[in-house]
Structures are given as structure tokens and as C-alpha cells.
Amino acid sequence: MKKYYLMAVAFLLLSISTLQAQDVDFSRLDLETCIEIALENNLTLQRSQANLGISEANLIGNRGQRIPTWSTGASSGYRWGRSINPVTNLFENNRIGNINLFTNSNLTLFAGQQITNSIQQSKIDIEAAQFNVKATENTITLNVINFFINVVFNSEQLKIAENQLESTRQQLANTTKLVDAGSLPLANKLDIQAQNATNELEVINATNNLRISKLNLSQALQIPFNDNFDIVIPELEADDYSMIDKEVNEVFETALALMPEIKSAELGVESAELGVKIAQGGYFPTIGVGGSGFSNYVDQANFLGVRDDFRTQIGNNFSYSGNFQLNIPILSNMRNRANVQRARLQKRLSEIQEVETVNQLRQDIESAYTSAYAARQSYQASLVRVASLQEAFRISQQRFDAGAINFADFQLAQNNFFNAQADLVTAKYTYIFRVKVLDFYLGNPLKL
């Protein structure tokens, strides 16, 4: 009955999960939903969670070493030929059938602190595995934010390319009228047609870049990609994301106390230290106690020629034993020495891993800090550049319409303006992402 109850519960949960998945509108995904889907589907995270489960199982096993073992069993068989009758203890040349019942129990009292250290090591491994799960979640979240921002960025780039194409098409229409009226030479029309074709290609490239960025995001979410996949474009303003007022060393010191990968690396060293103690415990004697019980039944008569029934024989033949075990390692084929050496080397590897993790964190923060500072400078400079080139483009368009400048000069002003707009978008979203990365190292929420 319990089995069917569990199956019903599992089916209900699966149904609810399926309904929830069907309710997700993949054509209008916001950032929070993207992060939730990525965390649910990511196989690396599931692997980290499975490793956590293995660590928890190891703790159960190590704790179990403090509990006595107990086993029981039975055997049955026949013997032919000359053998001792277990009932009469006389040699007979008969077929003898027998049933043997036995039980055994053992308890380790002392094993060089190996059990205690193994339990402590398992607890540390569980804590380290929990930090690994959190570190994996952070990595997934940062990647999703990056891919999400890339979609927003490429959407803006597509708008700029489309605006440039629309401006060129309007200019082409005006120029065509003037050429047809004989006010301008045909060469002007041909130049604008060439520019129009270039702008159409830029729109195609921008469209493809946007599609690729959506593909990258959907793959990060590990869901099938189709043309309906899209996101909700948030209103992101660079002015809403201010550069932190901390020096890079302050960010690094804060991150050292917060980042789960640092905690995991530190616990890895502690676990390796206990591994050395566990290996050294192999040099110590082990002490244990044990007990056993035994009884049997044979299908032969006793001295009086009477065959006792099964229960009587089992009761009469029952025997007990108890023992005290002392095992002193003297020669172990160098196994203990090799185990200690491997444990010490594992500790050294854990120490190296800790240093590498700290160094990597410092380098990542330095890169993020430098990139954020550079992106802010680029964004501020791009704002001034766009404002200036926009005015220059406006004046050039008026002069071109009045015939005061040729198309080459007008095209140069137009391209400068739209290129500056594209650079501004790049600087804007680079700055926003880098600021969020620094916020992440300071322990702030990962959201736009």
C-alpha cells in the first residue's frame, strides 16, 4: 500500500511540474524567470547536488562504524560416505542431512581515532559540497545575466541599424526625385543606393547577431530554441548603476569572506588534514569485541535410536561464543606508509587549490574592477561624442538637402553618428554588467 501511495505522490508532483513548465511563456521571459529555469535545468548544478548527496551518504556510513555489526543466516545440505554423525559423534557411512543456524556480531572499540576522524571529515565534506552547490548557482546566475544583457544589447544594435537604414531610404527617395527632375546627377543616386545596400547588410548582420544571442541564452537555460523565443527588454539606464566607492582591495577582502568557492577551498584543506590523521591511524592497534551463536539439526538418530524433532535439536545444540580482538599492525606491506604519504600529498594539493582559488578570485575582481572603471569612462565619453556627432549629422543633412555638400561628406557624417550610437550602446551595457559583477562580489543581489 505504501508503494502505491509513493507512486501516486510522485505522479502528482510530476504533473504539477509539467503544468508549471507549460505555463512558462518562452516568448516573454524576464531575467528572474531565466535564472529560475537555468537553475532548474543545469546539469552541472545537478551534479553538484548529487555530490552533496554522496557526501551525506558517506557521513551515514562513517557514523555506522560506531554501531555493532550483526548478521544471521542458515545453511542446509547433505553428506555421503564415511563421516561423523553430529548427534552421536561416531563415524557412519550414511547420508546425513543437516541444517545449520548461526548469528554473528562485532563492535570496534578503538581504531586509532580513524572512525572519529572519518565522521568529522564527512561533516566537513558535506559543508564544502554545500558551498560548491552555492558557487555553481552563482556561476549559472552570472552567466544568465551576461547572456540576457547580450540579447538586450543586440536588440539595441538592431534598432540603430534599422534607424540608419530608414534614414538612408528617406535620403534615397529624396535624391531619386531630384535626379529624376534633373537637379542632381545620377551619380548621387547611385552612391546612396550603394549606401542603402550597405545599411541593409548591417541590418541583416544585426538581426543574425540578435538571433545568436537568443540562441546562446536558450542554451544556457537548456531549453529547445525556436523563433518564438524572446525576452522582455527591461528599461536599463546606466545612470541607475553607479560605480562602487570602494578600492579593489576592499572588494577583494569582502569577497574573501563571502564567496562560497573560497569557503569550499578552505574546508578542502581541513578535510585533507583529517585525511592525514585517518591514514596515520593505521599504525595504531585496533580493539574490538565480538560474539556468535550456533545451532544445528541433523536427520539422524541419537544414542538411544530416537530422532529428535527440529525444535528439540535446535534447542539442545545451541552454543554461544564471545571474543575480544586485538590487532597490532607490525608489517603491512608498506600500505600504511603509502597511505600516509598519499594523504599528505592530497593535503598539499588542497592547499595549492586554496591558493589558486584565492588568486583566481583576486584576478577576477581586478579584471572586473578595471573593466567597470574603463566602461564608465567609455560611456561618459560616448555620451559627449554622440551628442556632438548628432548635431553634426543634423547640420550635414540640412546642407546636403540644400546642395551645399556632396554625398560623400554627408555619408561620413551619417556613419560617424550611427557608429557613435553603436559604441555608446556597447559601453552602456558593458558598464552595467561590470557593475553587477562587482555588486556580486560584494554580496549584493544578482538582479538588474
Protein backbone atom coordinates (compact mmCIF):
# COMPACT_ATOMS: atom_id res chain seq x y z
CA MET A 1 0.00 0.00 0.00
CA LYS A 2 2.84 2.37 0.88
CA LYS A 3 4.45 1.66 -2.50
CA TYR A 4 1.34 2.75 -4.40
CA TYR A 5 0.99 5.83 -2.20
CA LEU A 6 4.54 6.93 -3.04
CA MET A 7 3.92 6.32 -6.74
CA ALA A 8 0.80 8.46 -6.60
CA VAL A 9 2.63 11.30 -4.87
CA ALA A 10 5.46 11.14 -7.42
CA PHE A 11 2.95 11.23 -10.29
CA LEU A 12 1.18 14.22 -8.75
CA LEU A 13 4.44 16.14 -8.33
CA LEU A 14 5.44 15.33 -11.90
CA SER A 15 2.07 16.54 -13.15
CA ILE A 16 2.38 19.80 -11.23
CA SER A 17 5.91 20.32 -12.56
CA THR A 18 4.73 19.66 -16.12
CA LEU A 19 1.84 22.11 -15.77
CA GLN A 20 4.18 24.76 -14.39
CA ALA A 21 6.58 24.23 -17.29
CA GLN A 22 3.68 24.58 -19.74
CA ASP A 23 2.66 27.86 -18.10
CA VAL A 24 6.00 29.49 -18.92
CA ASP A 25 5.74 31.86 -21.87
CA PHE A 26 9.06 31.45 -23.65
CA SER A 27 8.30 34.38 -25.90
CA ARG A 28 8.31 36.82 -22.95
CA LEU A 29 10.96 35.76 -20.45
CA ASP A 30 12.18 38.21 -17.85
CA LEU A 31 15.56 37.87 -16.15
CA GLU A 32 14.23 36.30 -12.96
CA THR A 33 12.41 33.60 -14.91
CA CYS A 34 15.51 32.91 -16.99
CA ILE A 35 17.58 32.42 -13.84
CA GLU A 36 14.97 30.09 -12.32
CA ILE A 37 14.83 27.95 -15.48
CA ALA A 38 18.62 27.80 -15.73
CA LEU A 39 18.98 26.71 -12.10
CA GLU A 40 16.33 24.05 -12.55
CA ASN A 41 17.76 22.59 -15.77
CA ASN A 42 21.51 23.00 -15.37
CA LEU A 43 23.24 19.62 -15.27
CA THR A 44 26.38 20.97 -13.60
CA LEU A 45 24.25 22.13 -10.69
CA GLN A 46 22.51 18.76 -10.55
CA ARG A 47 25.92 17.10 -10.48
CA SER A 48 26.95 19.33 -7.56
CA GLN A 49 23.76 18.43 -5.74
CA ALA A 50 24.40 14.73 -6.37
CA ASN A 51 27.93 15.11 -4.97
CA LEU A 52 26.38 16.69 -1.89
CA GLY A 53 24.14 13.64 -1.54
CA ILE A 54 27.18 11.35 -1.81
CA SER A 55 28.89 13.29 0.99
CA GLU A 56 25.80 12.89 3.16
CA ALA A 57 25.76 9.14 2.43
CA ASN A 58 29.44 8.93 3.42
CA LEU A 59 28.60 10.50 6.77
CA ILE A 60 25.92 7.88 7.37
CA GLY A 61 28.40 5.13 6.57
CA ASN A 62 31.13 6.53 8.80
CA ARG A 63 28.74 7.01 11.71
CA GLY A 64 27.63 3.42 11.23
CA GLN A 65 31.13 2.21 12.10
CA ARG A 66 30.31 3.01 15.74
CA ILE A 67 27.35 0.63 15.65
CA PRO A 68 27.82 -3.13 16.10
CA THR A 69 27.50 -5.34 13.06
CA TRP A 70 25.00 -8.18 13.28
CA SER A 71 24.33 -10.87 10.77
CA THR A 72 22.44 -14.12 10.85
CA GLY A 73 21.91 -16.92 8.40
CA ALA A 74 21.39 -20.58 7.77
CA SER A 75 22.74 -23.36 5.60
CA SER A 76 21.50 -26.80 4.67
CA GLY A 77 23.00 -29.75 2.88
CA TYR A 78 23.80 -33.45 2.75
CA ARG A 79 26.91 -35.56 3.22
CA TRP A 80 27.56 -39.03 1.81
CA GLY A 81 30.15 -41.62 2.68
CA ARG A 82 32.08 -42.08 5.87
CA SER A 83 31.67 -39.05 8.15
CA ILE A 84 30.98 -38.20 11.77
CA ASN A 85 27.38 -38.15 12.85
CA PRO A 86 26.98 -34.79 14.66
CA VAL A 87 24.47 -36.37 17.04
CA THR A 88 26.39 -39.48 18.12
CA ASN A 89 29.91 -38.22 17.27
CA LEU A 90 30.54 -41.68 15.70
CA PHE A 91 31.79 -42.45 12.23
CA GLU A 92 29.00 -43.66 9.99
CA ASN A 93 28.68 -44.49 6.34
CA ASN A 94 25.28 -42.91 5.82
CA ARG A 95 23.72 -39.97 4.10
CA ILE A 96 23.46 -37.24 6.70
CA GLY A 97 21.23 -34.20 6.17
CA ASN A 98 21.83 -31.09 8.25
CA ILE A 99 20.51 -27.57 8.85
CA ASN A 100 22.85 -25.01 10.44
CA LEU A 101 21.73 -21.74 12.07
CA PHE A 102 24.19 -19.02 13.04
CA THR A 103 24.44 -15.39 14.09
CA ASN A 104 27.45 -13.07 14.50
CA SER A 105 28.04 -9.61 15.93
CA ASN A 106 31.16 -7.42 16.13
CA LEU A 107 31.92 -3.99 17.52
CA THR A 108 35.07 -1.93 17.05
CA LEU A 109 36.11 -0.25 20.29
CA PHE A 110 39.26 1.52 19.15
CA ALA A 111 40.81 2.06 15.72
CA GLY A 112 43.38 4.81 16.12
CA GLN A 113 40.69 7.53 16.05
CA GLN A 114 40.01 6.61 12.42
CA ILE A 115 36.25 6.38 12.96
CA THR A 116 36.04 9.71 14.81
CA ASN A 117 38.20 11.46 12.23
CA SER A 118 36.24 9.90 9.35
CA ILE A 119 32.97 11.22 10.81
CA GLN A 120 34.46 14.69 11.25
CA GLN A 121 35.87 14.60 7.72
CA SER A 122 32.46 13.65 6.31
CA LYS A 123 30.83 16.59 8.09
CA ILE A 124 33.40 18.94 6.59
CA ASP A 125 32.94 17.38 3.14
CA ILE A 126 29.18 17.99 3.39
CA GLU A 127 29.72 21.63 4.26
CA ALA A 128 32.20 22.00 1.40
CA ALA A 129 29.73 20.35 -1.00
CA GLN A 130 27.03 22.79 0.10
CA PHE A 131 29.34 25.70 -0.72
CA ASN A 132 30.10 24.09 -4.08
CA VAL A 133 26.37 24.00 -4.85
CA LYS A 134 26.09 27.69 -3.96
CA ALA A 135 29.15 28.57 -6.06
CA THR A 136 27.65 26.71 -9.02
CA GLU A 137 24.38 28.59 -8.60
CA ASN A 138 26.27 31.90 -8.57
CA THR A 139 28.18 30.99 -11.73
CA ILE A 140 24.98 30.00 -13.52
CA THR A 141 23.25 33.22 -12.45
CA LEU A 142 26.14 35.40 -13.65
CA ASN A 143 26.23 33.60 -16.99
CA VAL A 144 22.49 34.03 -17.47
CA ILE A 145 22.73 37.75 -16.67
CA ASN A 146 25.55 38.08 -19.18
CA PHE A 147 23.62 36.24 -21.92
CA PHE A 148 20.45 38.19 -21.07
CA ILE A 149 22.28 41.52 -21.36
CA ASN A 150 23.75 40.39 -24.68
CA VAL A 151 20.22 39.92 -26.03
CA VAL A 152 19.26 43.39 -24.82
CA PHE A 153 22.46 44.82 -26.29
CA ASN A 154 21.93 43.22 -29.70
CA SER A 155 18.31 44.36 -29.70
CA GLU A 156 19.55 47.93 -29.29
CA GLN A 157 22.14 47.43 -32.03
CA LEU A 158 19.42 46.19 -34.37
CA LYS A 159 17.33 49.30 -33.66
CA ILE A 160 20.31 51.52 -34.50
CA ALA A 161 20.93 49.63 -37.75
CA GLU A 162 17.24 49.88 -38.68
CA ASN A 163 17.20 53.64 -37.94
CA GLN A 164 20.28 54.11 -40.10
CA LEU A 165 18.64 52.15 -42.91
CA GLU A 166 15.44 54.18 -42.59
CA SER A 167 17.43 57.43 -42.75
CA THR A 168 19.24 56.24 -45.88
CA ARG A 169 15.99 55.14 -47.53
CA GLN A 170 14.46 58.56 -46.95
CA GLN A 171 17.55 60.20 -48.39
CA LEU A 172 17.42 57.83 -51.36
CA ALA A 173 13.79 58.73 -52.02
CA ASN A 174 14.54 62.47 -51.90
CA THR A 175 17.63 62.11 -54.08
CA THR A 176 15.72 60.00 -56.62
CA LYS A 177 13.16 62.77 -57.03
CA LEU A 178 15.89 65.35 -57.57
CA VAL A 179 17.72 63.14 -60.04
CA ASP A 180 14.52 62.45 -61.96
CA ALA A 181 13.89 66.21 -62.05
CA GLY A 182 17.40 66.81 -63.39
CA SER A 183 18.51 68.78 -60.31
CA LEU A 184 21.20 66.24 -59.31
CA PRO A 185 23.44 63.94 -61.33
CA LEU A 186 22.75 60.20 -61.47
CA ALA A 187 25.97 59.51 -59.59
CA ASN A 188 24.41 60.89 -56.38
CA LYS A 189 21.59 58.38 -56.62
CA LEU A 190 23.98 55.52 -57.26
CA ASP A 191 26.10 56.48 -54.24
CA ILE A 192 23.05 56.48 -51.97
CA GLN A 193 21.86 53.17 -53.43
CA ALA A 194 25.23 51.65 -52.54
CA GLN A 195 24.95 53.08 -49.03
CA ASN A 196 21.41 51.72 -48.76
CA ALA A 197 22.64 48.25 -49.71
CA THR A 198 25.37 48.53 -47.06
CA ASN A 199 22.82 49.52 -44.42
CA GLU A 200 20.56 46.62 -45.41
CA LEU A 201 23.50 44.27 -44.88
CA GLU A 202 24.14 45.84 -41.48
CA VAL A 203 20.51 45.18 -40.53
CA ILE A 204 20.87 41.56 -41.63
CA ASN A 205 24.05 41.18 -39.58
CA ALA A 206 22.44 42.81 -36.56
CA THR A 207 19.42 40.51 -36.91
CA ASN A 208 21.69 37.47 -37.04
CA ASN A 209 23.66 38.68 -34.03
CA LEU A 210 20.42 39.08 -32.10
CA ARG A 211 19.31 35.59 -33.07
CA ILE A 212 22.67 34.14 -32.00
CA SER A 213 22.48 35.91 -28.64
CA LYS A 214 18.98 34.48 -28.12
CA LEU A 215 20.28 31.05 -29.05
CA ASN A 216 23.10 31.39 -26.51
CA LEU A 217 20.61 32.37 -23.82
CA SER A 218 18.25 29.48 -24.59
CA GLN A 219 21.17 27.05 -24.50
CA ALA A 220 22.24 28.47 -21.13
CA LEU A 221 18.68 27.73 -19.96
CA GLN A 222 18.97 24.29 -21.60
CA ILE A 223 15.64 24.56 -23.41
CA PRO A 224 14.94 23.98 -27.13
CA PHE A 225 15.36 27.10 -29.25
CA ASN A 226 12.84 28.35 -31.81
CA ASP A 227 11.95 31.64 -33.45
CA ASN A 228 9.34 32.39 -30.76
CA PHE A 229 11.96 32.54 -28.02
CA ASP A 230 12.31 36.12 -26.76
CA ILE A 231 12.76 38.17 -23.62
CA VAL A 232 11.14 41.16 -22.01
CA ILE A 233 13.50 44.07 -22.65
CA PRO A 234 13.95 45.90 -19.34
CA GLU A 235 14.40 49.65 -19.14
CA LEU A 236 18.09 49.86 -18.30
CA GLU A 237 19.74 53.21 -17.73
CA ALA A 238 23.45 53.44 -17.00
CA ASP A 239 22.79 56.28 -14.55
CA ASP A 240 20.90 53.80 -12.34
CA TYR A 241 24.08 51.74 -11.88
CA SER A 242 26.72 53.68 -10.02
CA MET A 243 30.34 52.64 -9.72
CA ILE A 244 31.16 51.43 -6.21
CA ASP A 245 33.09 53.77 -3.95
CA LYS A 246 35.46 51.04 -2.76
CA GLU A 247 39.00 50.29 -3.81
CA VAL A 248 39.74 46.97 -5.46
CA ASN A 249 41.46 45.64 -2.32
CA GLU A 250 38.35 46.39 -0.26
CA VAL A 251 36.21 44.47 -2.75
CA PHE A 252 38.66 41.57 -2.61
CA GLU A 253 38.68 41.43 1.20
CA THR A 254 34.87 41.48 1.26
CA ALA A 255 34.66 38.74 -1.36
CA LEU A 256 37.12 36.55 0.57
CA ALA A 257 34.66 36.39 3.45
CA LEU A 258 31.61 35.83 1.22
CA MET A 259 32.42 33.74 -1.83
CA PRO A 260 31.40 30.07 -1.42
CA GLU A 261 34.27 28.79 -3.56
CA ILE A 262 36.72 30.27 -1.02
CA LYS A 263 34.87 28.58 1.84
CA SER A 264 34.88 25.30 -0.05
CA ALA A 265 38.63 25.51 -0.71
CA GLU A 266 39.34 26.23 2.95
CA LEU A 267 37.23 23.27 4.03
CA GLY A 268 39.06 21.13 1.48
CA VAL A 269 42.29 21.75 3.37
CA GLU A 270 40.62 20.87 6.69
CA SER A 271 39.27 17.67 5.18
CA ALA A 272 42.71 16.76 3.85
CA GLU A 273 44.25 17.34 7.30
CA LEU A 274 41.80 14.84 8.75
CA GLY A 275 42.69 12.51 5.91
CA VAL A 276 46.29 12.53 7.15
CA LYS A 277 45.12 11.67 10.69
CA ILE A 278 42.95 8.87 9.33
CA ALA A 279 45.91 7.42 7.43
CA GLN A 280 48.16 7.71 10.49
CA GLY A 281 45.55 5.81 12.50
CA GLY A 282 46.52 2.74 10.52
CA TYR A 283 49.69 2.47 12.63
CA PHE A 284 47.66 2.01 15.83
CA PRO A 285 46.25 -1.28 17.16
CA THR A 286 42.55 -1.95 16.72
CA ILE A 287 40.45 -3.34 19.55
CA GLY A 288 37.09 -4.98 19.15
CA VAL A 289 34.66 -7.41 20.71
CA GLY A 290 32.51 -10.00 19.07
CA GLY A 291 30.00 -12.71 19.73
CA SER A 292 28.32 -15.51 17.86
CA GLY A 293 25.66 -18.15 18.26
CA PHE A 294 25.30 -21.50 16.51
CA SER A 295 22.93 -24.43 16.40
CA ASN A 296 22.18 -27.27 14.01
CA TYR A 297 19.80 -30.06 13.14
CA VAL A 298 20.61 -33.44 11.55
CA ASP A 299 18.22 -36.07 10.34
CA GLN A 300 19.90 -38.92 12.30
CA ALA A 301 19.02 -40.80 15.50
CA ASN A 302 20.81 -40.25 18.81
CA PHE A 303 22.45 -42.85 21.01
CA LEU A 304 19.06 -44.21 22.04
CA GLY A 305 17.97 -44.64 18.45
CA VAL A 306 15.47 -41.80 18.69
CA ARG A 307 15.39 -38.97 16.11
CA ASP A 308 14.66 -35.70 17.92
CA ASP A 309 12.35 -33.19 16.24
CA PHE A 310 13.70 -29.94 14.72
CA ARG A 311 12.89 -27.66 17.67
CA THR A 312 14.36 -30.01 20.22
CA GLN A 313 17.63 -30.44 18.36
CA ILE A 314 17.98 -26.70 17.73
CA GLY A 315 17.45 -26.00 21.42
CA ASN A 316 19.78 -28.73 22.63
CA ASN A 317 22.58 -27.89 20.18
CA PHE A 318 22.61 -24.11 20.68
CA SER A 319 26.04 -22.72 21.59
CA TYR A 320 27.39 -19.22 22.22
CA SER A 321 30.81 -17.65 21.98
CA GLY A 322 32.34 -14.32 22.85
CA ASN A 323 35.70 -12.92 21.92
CA PHE A 324 37.98 -9.97 22.40
CA GLN A 325 40.08 -8.92 19.38
CA LEU A 326 43.38 -7.07 19.42
CA ASN A 327 45.08 -6.44 16.10
CA ILE A 328 48.57 -4.92 16.25
CA PRO A 329 49.98 -3.86 12.86
CA ILE A 330 53.62 -4.83 12.60
CA LEU A 331 54.20 -5.33 8.90
CA SER A 332 51.57 -4.17 6.42
CA ASN A 333 53.40 -4.42 3.10
CA MET A 334 54.12 -0.66 3.35
CA ARG A 335 50.41 0.08 2.95
CA ASN A 336 50.20 2.35 6.00
CA ARG A 337 53.28 4.29 4.96
CA ALA A 338 51.94 4.70 1.43
CA ASN A 339 48.53 5.79 2.74
CA VAL A 340 50.09 8.46 4.94
CA GLN A 341 52.25 9.72 2.09
CA ARG A 342 49.26 9.93 -0.26
CA ALA A 343 47.22 11.73 2.41
CA ARG A 344 49.96 14.31 2.93
CA LEU A 345 50.24 14.87 -0.81
CA GLN A 346 46.45 15.25 -1.01
CA LYS A 347 46.66 17.87 1.70
CA ARG A 348 49.33 19.68 -0.30
CA LEU A 349 47.12 19.57 -3.39
CA SER A 350 44.25 21.00 -1.33
CA GLU A 351 46.49 23.82 -0.13
CA ILE A 352 47.51 24.55 -3.72
CA GLN A 353 43.85 24.51 -4.74
CA GLU A 354 43.05 27.01 -2.00
CA VAL A 355 45.81 29.37 -3.17
CA GLU A 356 44.66 29.00 -6.79
CA THR A 357 41.07 29.77 -5.81
CA VAL A 358 42.10 32.89 -3.88
CA ASN A 359 44.37 34.05 -6.72
CA GLN A 360 41.63 33.46 -9.28
CA LEU A 361 39.18 35.46 -7.19
CA ARG A 362 41.63 38.32 -6.87
CA GLN A 363 42.32 38.32 -10.62
CA ASP A 364 38.61 38.18 -11.46
CA ILE A 365 37.90 41.12 -9.16
CA GLU A 366 40.82 43.12 -10.55
CA SER A 367 39.62 42.46 -14.10
CA ALA A 368 36.02 43.29 -13.23
CA TYR A 369 37.03 46.46 -11.39
CA THR A 370 39.31 47.64 -14.19
CA SER A 371 36.72 46.79 -16.83
CA ALA A 372 33.97 48.59 -14.93
CA TYR A 373 36.12 51.69 -14.50
CA ALA A 374 37.09 51.67 -18.19
CA ALA A 375 33.49 51.08 -19.26
CA ARG A 376 32.31 54.03 -17.18
CA GLN A 377 34.93 56.26 -18.80
CA SER A 378 33.97 54.98 -22.25
CA TYR A 379 30.28 55.53 -21.56
CA GLN A 380 30.78 59.10 -20.37
CA ALA A 381 32.99 59.90 -23.36
CA SER A 382 30.50 58.23 -25.72
CA LEU A 383 27.68 60.42 -24.40
CA VAL A 384 29.61 63.55 -25.34
CA ARG A 385 30.64 62.06 -28.67
CA VAL A 386 27.08 61.07 -29.64
CA ALA A 387 25.70 64.50 -28.72
CA SER A 388 28.35 66.24 -30.84
CA LEU A 389 28.03 63.91 -33.84
CA GLN A 390 24.25 64.06 -33.70
CA GLU A 391 24.36 67.81 -34.10
CA ALA A 392 27.00 67.49 -36.83
CA PHE A 393 24.80 64.97 -38.65
CA ARG A 394 21.76 67.26 -38.39
CA ILE A 395 23.68 70.15 -39.89
CA SER A 396 25.17 67.93 -42.61
CA GLN A 397 21.73 66.68 -43.56
CA GLN A 398 20.44 70.24 -43.92
CA ARG A 399 23.44 71.25 -46.01
CA PHE A 400 23.17 68.11 -48.15
CA ASP A 401 19.47 68.75 -48.78
CA ALA A 402 20.40 72.31 -49.80
CA GLY A 403 23.15 71.02 -52.11
CA ALA A 404 25.92 72.68 -50.09
CA ILE A 405 27.91 69.43 -49.58
CA ASN A 406 28.28 66.26 -51.61
CA PHE A 407 27.05 62.82 -50.63
CA ALA A 408 30.48 61.61 -49.52
CA ASP A 409 30.64 64.29 -46.83
CA PHE A 410 27.06 63.62 -45.80
CA GLN A 411 27.68 59.87 -45.67
CA LEU A 412 30.73 60.40 -43.48
CA ALA A 413 28.71 62.47 -41.00
CA GLN A 414 25.91 59.90 -41.02
CA ASN A 415 28.23 56.93 -40.46
CA ASN A 416 30.10 58.75 -37.70
CA PHE A 417 26.85 59.43 -35.87
CA PHE A 418 25.43 55.91 -36.10
CA ASN A 419 28.79 54.33 -35.25
CA ALA A 420 28.95 56.55 -32.18
CA GLN A 421 25.48 55.38 -31.19
CA ALA A 422 26.59 51.75 -31.53
CA ASP A 423 29.69 52.43 -29.42
CA LEU A 424 27.53 54.12 -26.79
CA VAL A 425 25.28 51.05 -26.56
CA THR A 426 28.34 48.81 -26.21
CA ALA A 427 29.81 50.98 -23.47
CA LYS A 428 26.46 51.23 -21.69
CA TYR A 429 25.79 47.51 -21.37
CA THR A 430 29.41 46.64 -20.69
CA TYR A 431 29.35 49.13 -17.83
CA ILE A 432 26.05 47.79 -16.43
CA PHE A 433 27.26 44.18 -16.46
CA ARG A 434 30.63 45.02 -14.89
CA VAL A 435 28.95 46.97 -12.12
CA LYS A 436 26.68 43.99 -11.43
CA VAL A 437 29.72 41.71 -11.26
CA LEU A 438 31.29 43.97 -8.64
CA ASP A 439 27.99 44.03 -6.73
CA PHE A 440 28.04 40.25 -6.82
CA TYR A 441 31.50 40.15 -5.20
CA LEU A 442 30.20 42.49 -2.51
CA GLY A 443 27.35 40.11 -1.73
CA ASN A 444 24.58 42.22 -3.29
CA PRO A 445 21.58 40.56 -5.03
CA LEU A 446 22.17 39.41 -8.60
CA LYS A 447 19.44 41.24 -10.48
CA LEU A 448 19.15 44.07 -12.98
